[in-house]
């Protein structure tokens, strides 16, 4: 708490935190989508994207609903 600013609420502190460019103590394990997709497919469940694509191709559904699904699939 400083007299000139009232109650301290955090914010920038010179010299605080991990220095820029330094490494983490425990490096983060990065997982890409290419690593995750085969593991999801191994479990025998249908991937959500494939379920959406199957419903988009279903001619018995309402065309407006299928258009909504197409929008949902877009990246």
C-alpha atoms as a PDB file:
ATOM      1  CA  UNK A   1       0.000   0.000   0.000  1.00  0.00           C
ATOM      2  CA  UNK A   2       1.327   3.359  -0.925  1.00  0.00           C
ATOM      3  CA  UNK A   3       0.243   6.644   0.577  1.00  0.00           C
ATOM      4  CA  UNK A   4      -0.031   8.430  -2.726  1.00  0.00           C
ATOM      5  CA  UNK A   5      -2.150   5.793  -4.498  1.00  0.00           C
ATOM      6  CA  UNK A   6      -4.308   4.247  -1.797  1.00  0.00           C
ATOM      7  CA  UNK A   7      -4.838   0.496  -1.605  1.00  0.00           C
ATOM      8  CA  UNK A   8      -2.463  -1.527  -3.781  1.00  0.00           C
ATOM      9  CA  UNK A   9      -4.148  -3.777  -6.332  1.00  0.00           C
ATOM     10  CA  UNK A  10      -1.169  -5.425  -8.007  1.00  0.00           C
ATOM     11  CA  UNK A  11      -0.005  -4.501 -11.441  1.00  0.00           C
ATOM     12  CA  UNK A  12       3.402  -3.972 -12.913  1.00  0.00           C
ATOM     13  CA  UNK A  13       6.329  -4.487 -10.563  1.00  0.00           C
ATOM     14  CA  UNK A  14       9.823  -3.825 -11.938  1.00  0.00           C
ATOM     15  CA  UNK A  15      11.993  -6.944 -11.780  1.00  0.00           C
ATOM     16  CA  UNK A  16       9.138  -9.236 -10.745  1.00  0.00           C
ATOM     17  CA  UNK A  17       8.389 -12.584 -12.352  1.00  0.00           C
ATOM     18  CA  UNK A  18      10.308 -14.868 -14.648  1.00  0.00           C
ATOM     19  CA  UNK A  19      12.875 -13.005 -16.774  1.00  0.00           C
ATOM     20  CA  UNK A  20      12.041 -12.774 -20.471  1.00  0.00           C
ATOM     21  CA  UNK A  21      13.730 -15.450 -22.527  1.00  0.00           C
ATOM     22  CA  UNK A  22      14.389 -17.779 -19.601  1.00  0.00           C
ATOM     23  CA  UNK A  23      13.147 -21.337 -19.650  1.00  0.00           C
ATOM     24  CA  UNK A  24      10.337 -22.765 -17.544  1.00  0.00           C
ATOM     25  CA  UNK A  25      11.214 -24.979 -14.598  1.00  0.00           C
ATOM     26  CA  UNK A  26       9.183 -27.789 -16.132  1.00  0.00           C
ATOM     27  CA  UNK A  27       8.813 -27.452 -19.890  1.00  0.00           C
ATOM     28  CA  UNK A  28       5.231 -27.607 -21.137  1.00  0.00           C
ATOM     29  CA  UNK A  29       4.324 -30.661 -23.135  1.00  0.00           C
ATOM     30  CA  UNK A  30       2.771 -29.489 -26.380  1.00  0.00           C
ATOM     31  CA  UNK A  31       0.146 -31.667 -27.926  1.00  0.00           C
ATOM     32  CA  UNK A  32      -0.894 -31.139 -31.470  1.00  0.00           C
ATOM     33  CA  UNK A  33      -4.208 -32.076 -32.968  1.00  0.00           C
ATOM     34  CA  UNK A  34      -2.388 -34.664 -35.076  1.00  0.00           C
ATOM     35  CA  UNK A  35      -1.326 -36.462 -31.881  1.00  0.00           C
ATOM     36  CA  UNK A  36      -4.764 -36.313 -30.299  1.00  0.00           C
ATOM     37  CA  UNK A  37      -6.973 -37.441 -33.194  1.00  0.00           C
ATOM     38  CA  UNK A  38      -5.638 -41.021 -33.465  1.00  0.00           C
ATOM     39  CA  UNK A  39      -6.004 -41.495 -29.708  1.00  0.00           C
ATOM     40  CA  UNK A  40      -9.612 -40.330 -29.819  1.00  0.00           C
ATOM     41  CA  UNK A  41     -10.354 -42.609 -32.755  1.00  0.00           C
ATOM     42  CA  UNK A  42      -8.841 -45.633 -30.961  1.00  0.00           C
ATOM     43  CA  UNK A  43     -11.501 -45.498 -28.265  1.00  0.00           C
ATOM     44  CA  UNK A  44     -14.120 -46.548 -30.815  1.00  0.00           C
ATOM     45  CA  UNK A  45     -16.233 -43.426 -30.456  1.00  0.00           C
ATOM     46  CA  UNK A  46     -17.084 -41.308 -33.445  1.00  0.00           C
ATOM     47  CA  UNK A  47     -15.240 -38.022 -33.498  1.00  0.00           C
ATOM     48  CA  UNK A  48     -17.582 -35.011 -33.160  1.00  0.00           C
ATOM     49  CA  UNK A  49     -16.476 -33.566 -36.490  1.00  0.00           C
ATOM     50  CA  UNK A  50     -17.289 -36.796 -38.288  1.00  0.00           C
ATOM     51  CA  UNK A  51     -20.717 -36.860 -36.654  1.00  0.00           C
ATOM     52  CA  UNK A  52     -21.428 -33.353 -37.893  1.00  0.00           C
ATOM     53  CA  UNK A  53     -20.280 -34.227 -41.400  1.00  0.00           C
ATOM     54  CA  UNK A  54     -22.499 -37.307 -41.415  1.00  0.00           C
ATOM     55  CA  UNK A  55     -25.519 -35.194 -40.451  1.00  0.00           C
ATOM     56  CA  UNK A  56     -24.677 -32.610 -43.116  1.00  0.00           C
ATOM     57  CA  UNK A  57     -24.788 -35.338 -45.766  1.00  0.00           C
ATOM     58  CA  UNK A  58     -28.142 -36.676 -44.486  1.00  0.00           C
ATOM     59  CA  UNK A  59     -30.715 -35.684 -47.126  1.00  0.00           C
ATOM     60  CA  UNK A  60     -33.673 -36.343 -44.807  1.00  0.00           C
ATOM     61  CA  UNK A  61     -32.816 -33.382 -42.540  1.00  0.00           C
ATOM     62  CA  UNK A  62     -34.127 -29.851 -43.088  1.00  0.00           C
ATOM     63  CA  UNK A  63     -31.878 -27.884 -45.500  1.00  0.00           C
ATOM     64  CA  UNK A  64     -31.772 -24.870 -43.154  1.00  0.00           C
ATOM     65  CA  UNK A  65     -30.590 -27.109 -40.313  1.00  0.00           C
ATOM     66  CA  UNK A  66     -27.912 -28.606 -42.579  1.00  0.00           C
ATOM     67  CA  UNK A  67     -26.775 -25.083 -43.501  1.00  0.00           C
ATOM     68  CA  UNK A  68     -26.505 -24.257 -39.795  1.00  0.00           C
ATOM     69  CA  UNK A  69     -24.333 -27.357 -39.329  1.00  0.00           C
ATOM     70  CA  UNK A  70     -22.115 -26.296 -42.225  1.00  0.00           C
ATOM     71  CA  UNK A  71     -21.556 -22.957 -40.507  1.00  0.00           C
ATOM     72  CA  UNK A  72     -20.713 -24.741 -37.251  1.00  0.00           C
ATOM     73  CA  UNK A  73     -18.074 -26.871 -38.991  1.00  0.00           C
ATOM     74  CA  UNK A  74     -16.246 -23.877 -40.463  1.00  0.00           C
ATOM     75  CA  UNK A  75     -12.959 -23.008 -38.726  1.00  0.00           C
END
